[in-house]
Amino acid sequence: MDSFSTLIRTASHQQHVEAETSTFMGDLLGGRLGVEAYTRYTEQLWFVYDALEAGTMRLASDPVAGPFVRPELFRLAALERDLAHLRGAGWRTGLTALPATEAYAARVRECARGWPGGYVAHHYTRYLGDLSGGQIIRDRAERTWGFERKGDGVRFYVFEDIANPAAFKRGYRELLDAVDADDLEKQRVVAECRRAFALNTAVFRALGEEFPLSA
């Protein structure tokens, strides 16, 4: 029988691919969009991570979600440094969430408040994704828009407190495998992972509509 971490990875594979291969992300990584599109994407991430990290103090003692509350993963402070670099000191005043982003952040907050297993699903899809595929975005952003390597503008993708990402991800998968949940709950968590990827893809779609490539 597959481990829980394997079940999550394989069951959400299609949604993961759809998110990674969105038109917006393809255009961004291909250098076909300007820094404004990258900035707008970074702004949307702020709303999602604000929702993810706002409830961590309360969740830290939860038997299911608690083991996943790892300060070395927290991204909000890095995002805020990036936004200050990209938008200037008054970055908060013009910060707006797309409707798709609002829906995503609202679902994360809902799970954080009332369903620890669902929170873990969102935690997994975001943090492990940024720790892995996020490095490709960082590399392209540095080369395309001239950000200092691992500096302001791309700090979101730099996990300074994780010396060995491969070992960290191994440990994270072990935490998933150790989650105390019955089969029905595990299936619910897997379904929420799929939903998380779909919510993320909806944000990419909305960004693609905001930044269409001229024909």
C-alpha atoms as a PDB file:
ATOM      1  CA  MET A   1       0.000   0.000   0.000  1.00  0.00           C
ATOM      2  CA  ASP A   2       1.305   3.455  -0.925  1.00  0.00           C
ATOM      3  CA  SER A   3       2.392   5.834   1.816  1.00  0.00           C
ATOM      4  CA  PHE A   4       0.276   8.926   2.421  1.00  0.00           C
ATOM      5  CA  SER A   5       2.927  11.240   0.911  1.00  0.00           C
ATOM      6  CA  THR A   6       3.024   9.101  -2.249  1.00  0.00           C
ATOM      7  CA  LEU A   7      -0.778   9.069  -2.393  1.00  0.00           C
ATOM      8  CA  ILE A   8      -0.880  12.866  -2.211  1.00  0.00           C
ATOM      9  CA  ARG A   9       1.794  13.299  -4.856  1.00  0.00           C
ATOM     10  CA  THR A  10       0.295  10.881  -7.367  1.00  0.00           C
ATOM     11  CA  ALA A  11      -3.336  11.854  -6.807  1.00  0.00           C
ATOM     12  CA  SER A  12      -2.665  15.546  -7.389  1.00  0.00           C
ATOM     13  CA  HIS A  13      -0.169  15.079 -10.237  1.00  0.00           C
ATOM     14  CA  GLN A  14      -2.492  16.197 -13.026  1.00  0.00           C
ATOM     15  CA  GLN A  15      -3.506  19.388 -11.198  1.00  0.00           C
ATOM     16  CA  HIS A  16       0.154  20.061 -10.412  1.00  0.00           C
ATOM     17  CA  VAL A  17       1.068  19.821 -14.090  1.00  0.00           C
ATOM     18  CA  GLU A  18      -1.836  22.098 -15.055  1.00  0.00           C
ATOM     19  CA  ALA A  19      -0.635  24.755 -12.603  1.00  0.00           C
ATOM     20  CA  GLU A  20       2.986  24.504 -13.772  1.00  0.00           C
ATOM     21  CA  THR A  21       2.098  24.649 -17.470  1.00  0.00           C
ATOM     22  CA  SER A  22      -0.312  27.586 -17.315  1.00  0.00           C
ATOM     23  CA  THR A  23       0.008  30.107 -20.145  1.00  0.00           C
ATOM     24  CA  PHE A  24       0.857  32.928 -17.724  1.00  0.00           C
ATOM     25  CA  MET A  25       3.663  30.983 -16.033  1.00  0.00           C
ATOM     26  CA  GLY A  26       4.980  29.829 -19.412  1.00  0.00           C
ATOM     27  CA  ASP A  27       5.066  33.426 -20.676  1.00  0.00           C
ATOM     28  CA  LEU A  28       6.657  34.654 -17.450  1.00  0.00           C
ATOM     29  CA  LEU A  29       9.374  31.993 -17.427  1.00  0.00           C
ATOM     30  CA  GLY A  30       9.907  32.453 -21.149  1.00  0.00           C
ATOM     31  CA  GLY A  31      10.821  36.105 -20.614  1.00  0.00           C
ATOM     32  CA  ARG A  32       7.850  37.262 -22.698  1.00  0.00           C
ATOM     33  CA  LEU A  33       6.286  39.335 -19.903  1.00  0.00           C
ATOM     34  CA  GLY A  34       7.667  42.395 -18.164  1.00  0.00           C
ATOM     35  CA  VAL A  35       8.614  42.886 -14.539  1.00  0.00           C
ATOM     36  CA  GLU A  36       5.145  44.338 -13.893  1.00  0.00           C
ATOM     37  CA  ALA A  37       3.593  40.887 -14.436  1.00  0.00           C
ATOM     38  CA  TYR A  38       6.132  39.329 -12.056  1.00  0.00           C
ATOM     39  CA  THR A  39       5.335  42.036  -9.491  1.00  0.00           C
ATOM     40  CA  ARG A  40       1.597  41.436  -9.813  1.00  0.00           C
ATOM     41  CA  TYR A  41       2.133  37.707  -9.278  1.00  0.00           C
ATOM     42  CA  THR A  42       4.245  38.443  -6.184  1.00  0.00           C
ATOM     43  CA  GLU A  43       1.415  40.601  -4.826  1.00  0.00           C
ATOM     44  CA  GLN A  44      -1.035  37.715  -5.210  1.00  0.00           C
ATOM     45  CA  LEU A  45       1.327  35.429  -3.322  1.00  0.00           C
ATOM     46  CA  TRP A  46       1.301  37.869  -0.405  1.00  0.00           C
ATOM     47  CA  PHE A  47      -2.450  37.349   0.121  1.00  0.00           C
ATOM     48  CA  VAL A  48      -2.120  33.552   0.047  1.00  0.00           C
ATOM     49  CA  TYR A  49       0.823  33.477   2.469  1.00  0.00           C
ATOM     50  CA  ASP A  50      -0.839  35.979   4.771  1.00  0.00           C
ATOM     51  CA  ALA A  51      -3.711  33.488   5.036  1.00  0.00           C
ATOM     52  CA  LEU A  52      -1.328  30.538   5.498  1.00  0.00           C
ATOM     53  CA  GLU A  53       0.802  32.135   8.189  1.00  0.00           C
ATOM     54  CA  ALA A  54      -1.773  34.182  10.117  1.00  0.00           C
ATOM     55  CA  GLY A  55      -3.097  31.130  11.963  1.00  0.00           C
ATOM     56  CA  THR A  56       0.181  29.391  12.738  1.00  0.00           C
ATOM     57  CA  MET A  57       0.338  30.358  16.414  1.00  0.00           C
ATOM     58  CA  ARG A  58      -3.041  28.736  17.018  1.00  0.00           C
ATOM     59  CA  LEU A  59      -2.244  25.685  14.889  1.00  0.00           C
ATOM     60  CA  ALA A  60       1.180  25.058  16.413  1.00  0.00           C
ATOM     61  CA  SER A  61      -0.321  22.958  19.218  1.00  0.00           C
ATOM     62  CA  ASP A  62      -2.682  21.016  16.942  1.00  0.00           C
ATOM     63  CA  PRO A  63      -1.741  17.302  16.720  1.00  0.00           C
ATOM     64  CA  VAL A  64      -2.317  17.165  12.945  1.00  0.00           C
ATOM     65  CA  ALA A  65      -1.206  20.596  11.679  1.00  0.00           C
ATOM     66  CA  GLY A  66       1.258  21.439  14.461  1.00  0.00           C
ATOM     67  CA  PRO A  67       4.242  19.415  13.164  1.00  0.00           C
ATOM     68  CA  PHE A  68       4.046  21.313   9.857  1.00  0.00           C
ATOM     69  CA  VAL A  69       4.305  24.747  11.443  1.00  0.00           C
ATOM     70  CA  ARG A  70       7.988  25.299  10.745  1.00  0.00           C
ATOM     71  CA  PRO A  71       9.315  28.878  11.064  1.00  0.00           C
ATOM     72  CA  GLU A  72      12.119  28.117   8.582  1.00  0.00           C
ATOM     73  CA  LEU A  73       9.436  27.882   5.893  1.00  0.00           C
ATOM     74  CA  PHE A  74       7.677  31.177   6.636  1.00  0.00           C
ATOM     75  CA  ARG A  75       7.579  33.409   3.549  1.00  0.00           C
ATOM     76  CA  LEU A  76       5.629  36.522   4.489  1.00  0.00           C
ATOM     77  CA  ALA A  77       8.604  38.642   5.654  1.00  0.00           C
ATOM     78  CA  ALA A  78      10.561  37.744   2.491  1.00  0.00           C
ATOM     79  CA  LEU A  79       7.554  38.593   0.305  1.00  0.00           C
ATOM     80  CA  GLU A  80       7.260  41.972   2.007  1.00  0.00           C
ATOM     81  CA  ARG A  81      10.923  42.750   1.329  1.00  0.00           C
ATOM     82  CA  ASP A  82      10.433  41.782  -2.293  1.00  0.00           C
ATOM     83  CA  LEU A  83       7.340  43.964  -2.627  1.00  0.00           C
ATOM     84  CA  ALA A  84       9.131  46.933  -1.031  1.00  0.00           C
ATOM     85  CA  HIS A  85      11.863  46.471  -3.654  1.00  0.00           C
ATOM     86  CA  LEU A  86       9.410  46.045  -6.531  1.00  0.00           C
ATOM     87  CA  ARG A  87       6.804  48.638  -5.568  1.00  0.00           C
ATOM     88  CA  GLY A  88       8.588  50.957  -3.164  1.00  0.00           C
ATOM     89  CA  ALA A  89       8.046  51.731   0.512  1.00  0.00           C
ATOM     90  CA  GLY A  90       4.320  52.362   0.064  1.00  0.00           C
ATOM     91  CA  TRP A  91       3.657  48.979  -1.526  1.00  0.00           C
ATOM     92  CA  ARG A  92       0.767  48.189   0.820  1.00  0.00           C
ATOM     93  CA  THR A  93      -1.377  51.110  -0.335  1.00  0.00           C
ATOM     94  CA  GLY A  94      -1.816  49.774  -3.870  1.00  0.00           C
ATOM     95  CA  LEU A  95      -2.015  46.106  -2.934  1.00  0.00           C
ATOM     96  CA  THR A  96      -5.067  44.415  -4.471  1.00  0.00           C
ATOM     97  CA  ALA A  97      -6.098  40.793  -4.691  1.00  0.00           C
ATOM     98  CA  LEU A  98      -7.628  39.358  -7.837  1.00  0.00           C
ATOM     99  CA  PRO A  99     -11.028  37.696  -7.203  1.00  0.00           C
ATOM    100  CA  ALA A 100      -9.355  34.316  -7.822  1.00  0.00           C
ATOM    101  CA  THR A 101      -6.729  35.162  -5.195  1.00  0.00           C
ATOM    102  CA  GLU A 102      -9.415  36.212  -2.717  1.00  0.00           C
ATOM    103  CA  ALA A 103     -11.133  32.844  -3.198  1.00  0.00           C
ATOM    104  CA  TYR A 104      -7.835  30.991  -2.701  1.00  0.00           C
ATOM    105  CA  ALA A 105      -6.896  32.919   0.453  1.00  0.00           C
ATOM    106  CA  ALA A 106     -10.417  32.545   1.860  1.00  0.00           C
ATOM    107  CA  ARG A 107     -10.261  28.765   1.481  1.00  0.00           C
ATOM    108  CA  VAL A 108      -6.869  28.629   3.191  1.00  0.00           C
ATOM    109  CA  ARG A 109      -8.215  30.685   6.114  1.00  0.00           C
ATOM    110  CA  GLU A 110     -11.304  28.479   6.323  1.00  0.00           C
ATOM    111  CA  CYS A 111      -9.154  25.356   6.637  1.00  0.00           C
ATOM    112  CA  ALA A 112      -6.789  27.045   9.113  1.00  0.00           C
ATOM    113  CA  ARG A 113      -9.771  27.900  11.327  1.00  0.00           C
ATOM    114  CA  GLY A 114     -11.689  24.646  11.236  1.00  0.00           C
ATOM    115  CA  TRP A 115      -9.926  21.765   9.505  1.00  0.00           C
ATOM    116  CA  PRO A 116      -6.274  21.022  10.312  1.00  0.00           C
ATOM    117  CA  GLY A 117      -6.069  18.276   7.662  1.00  0.00           C
ATOM    118  CA  GLY A 118      -7.201  20.729   5.009  1.00  0.00           C
ATOM    119  CA  TYR A 119      -4.641  23.239   6.227  1.00  0.00           C
ATOM    120  CA  VAL A 120      -1.920  20.610   5.789  1.00  0.00           C
ATOM    121  CA  ALA A 121      -3.090  20.084   2.182  1.00  0.00           C
ATOM    122  CA  HIS A 122      -2.595  23.786   1.409  1.00  0.00           C
ATOM    123  CA  HIS A 123       0.665  23.887   3.360  1.00  0.00           C
ATOM    124  CA  TYR A 124       2.030  20.999   1.304  1.00  0.00           C
ATOM    125  CA  THR A 125       1.006  22.334  -2.104  1.00  0.00           C
ATOM    126  CA  ARG A 126       2.454  25.785  -1.443  1.00  0.00           C
ATOM    127  CA  TYR A 127       5.645  25.344   0.538  1.00  0.00           C
ATOM    128  CA  LEU A 128       6.957  22.214  -1.128  1.00  0.00           C
ATOM    129  CA  GLY A 129       6.121  23.672  -4.528  1.00  0.00           C
ATOM    130  CA  ASP A 130       8.021  26.872  -3.805  1.00  0.00           C
ATOM    131  CA  LEU A 131      10.946  24.981  -2.359  1.00  0.00           C
ATOM    132  CA  SER A 132      11.150  22.939  -5.588  1.00  0.00           C
ATOM    133  CA  GLY A 133       9.792  24.630  -8.711  1.00  0.00           C
ATOM    134  CA  GLY A 134      10.152  28.071  -7.198  1.00  0.00           C
ATOM    135  CA  GLN A 135      13.908  27.878  -7.786  1.00  0.00           C
ATOM    136  CA  ILE A 136      13.295  27.887 -11.545  1.00  0.00           C
ATOM    137  CA  ILE A 137      11.254  31.092 -11.194  1.00  0.00           C
ATOM    138  CA  ARG A 138      14.004  32.701  -9.103  1.00  0.00           C
ATOM    139  CA  ASP A 139      16.691  31.848 -11.655  1.00  0.00           C
ATOM    140  CA  ARG A 140      14.628  33.202 -14.560  1.00  0.00           C
ATOM    141  CA  ALA A 141      13.685  36.368 -12.653  1.00  0.00           C
ATOM    142  CA  GLU A 142      17.330  37.097 -11.827  1.00  0.00           C
ATOM    143  CA  ARG A 143      18.378  36.641 -15.440  1.00  0.00           C
ATOM    144  CA  THR A 144      15.384  38.375 -17.057  1.00  0.00           C
ATOM    145  CA  TRP A 145      15.049  41.444 -14.828  1.00  0.00           C
ATOM    146  CA  GLY A 146      18.515  41.686 -13.349  1.00  0.00           C
ATOM    147  CA  PHE A 147      17.715  41.083  -9.693  1.00  0.00           C
ATOM    148  CA  GLU A 148      20.725  40.491  -7.480  1.00  0.00           C
ATOM    149  CA  ARG A 149      21.269  36.751  -7.038  1.00  0.00           C
ATOM    150  CA  LYS A 150      19.099  35.637  -4.097  1.00  0.00           C
ATOM    151  CA  GLY A 151      18.580  39.312  -3.269  1.00  0.00           C
ATOM    152  CA  ASP A 152      15.701  41.780  -3.053  1.00  0.00           C
ATOM    153  CA  GLY A 153      13.000  40.934  -5.554  1.00  0.00           C
ATOM    154  CA  VAL A 154      13.504  37.164  -5.315  1.00  0.00           C
ATOM    155  CA  ARG A 155      13.879  36.620  -1.563  1.00  0.00           C
ATOM    156  CA  PHE A 156      10.567  34.767  -1.498  1.00  0.00           C
ATOM    157  CA  TYR A 157      12.292  31.874  -3.278  1.00  0.00           C
ATOM    158  CA  VAL A 158      15.344  31.852  -0.988  1.00  0.00           C
ATOM    159  CA  PHE A 159      14.904  29.554   2.006  1.00  0.00           C
ATOM    160  CA  GLU A 160      17.916  30.742   3.972  1.00  0.00           C
ATOM    161  CA  ASP A 161      17.182  28.565   6.993  1.00  0.00           C
ATOM    162  CA  ILE A 162      16.969  25.323   4.991  1.00  0.00           C
ATOM    163  CA  ALA A 163      20.528  24.248   4.255  1.00  0.00           C
ATOM    164  CA  ASN A 164      19.579  20.989   2.539  1.00  0.00           C
ATOM    165  CA  PRO A 165      16.260  21.212   0.650  1.00  0.00           C
ATOM    166  CA  ALA A 166      16.352  17.540  -0.409  1.00  0.00           C
ATOM    167  CA  ALA A 167      16.735  16.374   3.203  1.00  0.00           C
ATOM    168  CA  PHE A 168      14.058  18.825   4.333  1.00  0.00           C
ATOM    169  CA  LYS A 169      11.591  17.508   1.741  1.00  0.00           C
ATOM    170  CA  ARG A 170      12.364  13.951   2.851  1.00  0.00           C
ATOM    171  CA  GLY A 171      11.588  14.907   6.434  1.00  0.00           C
ATOM    172  CA  TYR A 172       8.419  16.674   5.328  1.00  0.00           C
ATOM    173  CA  ARG A 173       7.195  13.546   3.536  1.00  0.00           C
ATOM    174  CA  GLU A 174       7.890  11.561   6.716  1.00  0.00           C
ATOM    175  CA  LEU A 175       5.683  14.023   8.625  1.00  0.00           C
ATOM    176  CA  LEU A 176       2.908  13.436   6.069  1.00  0.00           C
ATOM    177  CA  ASP A 177       3.266   9.677   6.445  1.00  0.00           C
ATOM    178  CA  ALA A 178       2.993  10.039  10.222  1.00  0.00           C
ATOM    179  CA  VAL A 179      -0.266  12.042  10.127  1.00  0.00           C
ATOM    180  CA  ASP A 180      -2.798  10.383  12.423  1.00  0.00           C
ATOM    181  CA  ALA A 181      -5.837  10.093  10.155  1.00  0.00           C
ATOM    182  CA  ASP A 182      -8.084   7.311   8.904  1.00  0.00           C
ATOM    183  CA  ASP A 183      -8.447   6.451   5.224  1.00  0.00           C
ATOM    184  CA  LEU A 184     -11.529   8.618   4.755  1.00  0.00           C
ATOM    185  CA  GLU A 185      -9.793  11.676   6.193  1.00  0.00           C
ATOM    186  CA  LYS A 186      -6.720  11.000   4.050  1.00  0.00           C
ATOM    187  CA  GLN A 187      -8.925  10.940   0.957  1.00  0.00           C
ATOM    188  CA  ARG A 188     -10.418  14.275   2.031  1.00  0.00           C
ATOM    189  CA  VAL A 189      -6.928  15.735   2.406  1.00  0.00           C
ATOM    190  CA  VAL A 190      -5.962  14.449  -1.049  1.00  0.00           C
ATOM    191  CA  ALA A 191      -9.115  16.047  -2.490  1.00  0.00           C
ATOM    192  CA  GLU A 192      -8.158  19.333  -0.802  1.00  0.00           C
ATOM    193  CA  CYS A 193      -4.687  19.136  -2.401  1.00  0.00           C
ATOM    194  CA  ARG A 194      -6.404  18.898  -5.771  1.00  0.00           C
ATOM    195  CA  ARG A 195      -8.548  21.874  -4.838  1.00  0.00           C
ATOM    196  CA  ALA A 196      -5.476  23.862  -3.779  1.00  0.00           C
ATOM    197  CA  PHE A 197      -3.834  23.294  -7.159  1.00  0.00           C
ATOM    198  CA  ALA A 198      -7.075  24.269  -8.914  1.00  0.00           C
ATOM    199  CA  LEU A 199      -7.293  27.485  -6.878  1.00  0.00           C
ATOM    200  CA  ASN A 200      -3.688  28.272  -7.761  1.00  0.00           C
ATOM    201  CA  THR A 201      -4.351  27.590 -11.451  1.00  0.00           C
ATOM    202  CA  ALA A 202      -7.335  29.969 -11.334  1.00  0.00           C
ATOM    203  CA  VAL A 203      -4.987  32.721 -10.110  1.00  0.00           C
ATOM    204  CA  PHE A 204      -2.636  32.013 -13.035  1.00  0.00           C
ATOM    205  CA  ARG A 205      -5.596  32.163 -15.422  1.00  0.00           C
ATOM    206  CA  ALA A 206      -6.679  35.536 -14.026  1.00  0.00           C
ATOM    207  CA  LEU A 207      -3.118  36.864 -14.283  1.00  0.00           C
ATOM    208  CA  GLY A 208      -2.985  35.609 -17.871  1.00  0.00           C
ATOM    209  CA  GLU A 209      -6.109  37.640 -18.637  1.00  0.00           C
ATOM    210  CA  GLU A 210      -4.566  40.701 -17.013  1.00  0.00           C
ATOM    211  CA  PHE A 211      -1.306  40.298 -18.926  1.00  0.00           C
ATOM    212  CA  PRO A 212      -2.202  38.917 -22.365  1.00  0.00           C
ATOM    213  CA  LEU A 213       0.593  38.783 -24.889  1.00  0.00           C
ATOM    214  CA  SER A 214      -0.189  41.073 -27.793  1.00  0.00           C
ATOM    215  CA  ALA A 215      -0.748  39.003 -30.935  1.00  0.00           C
END
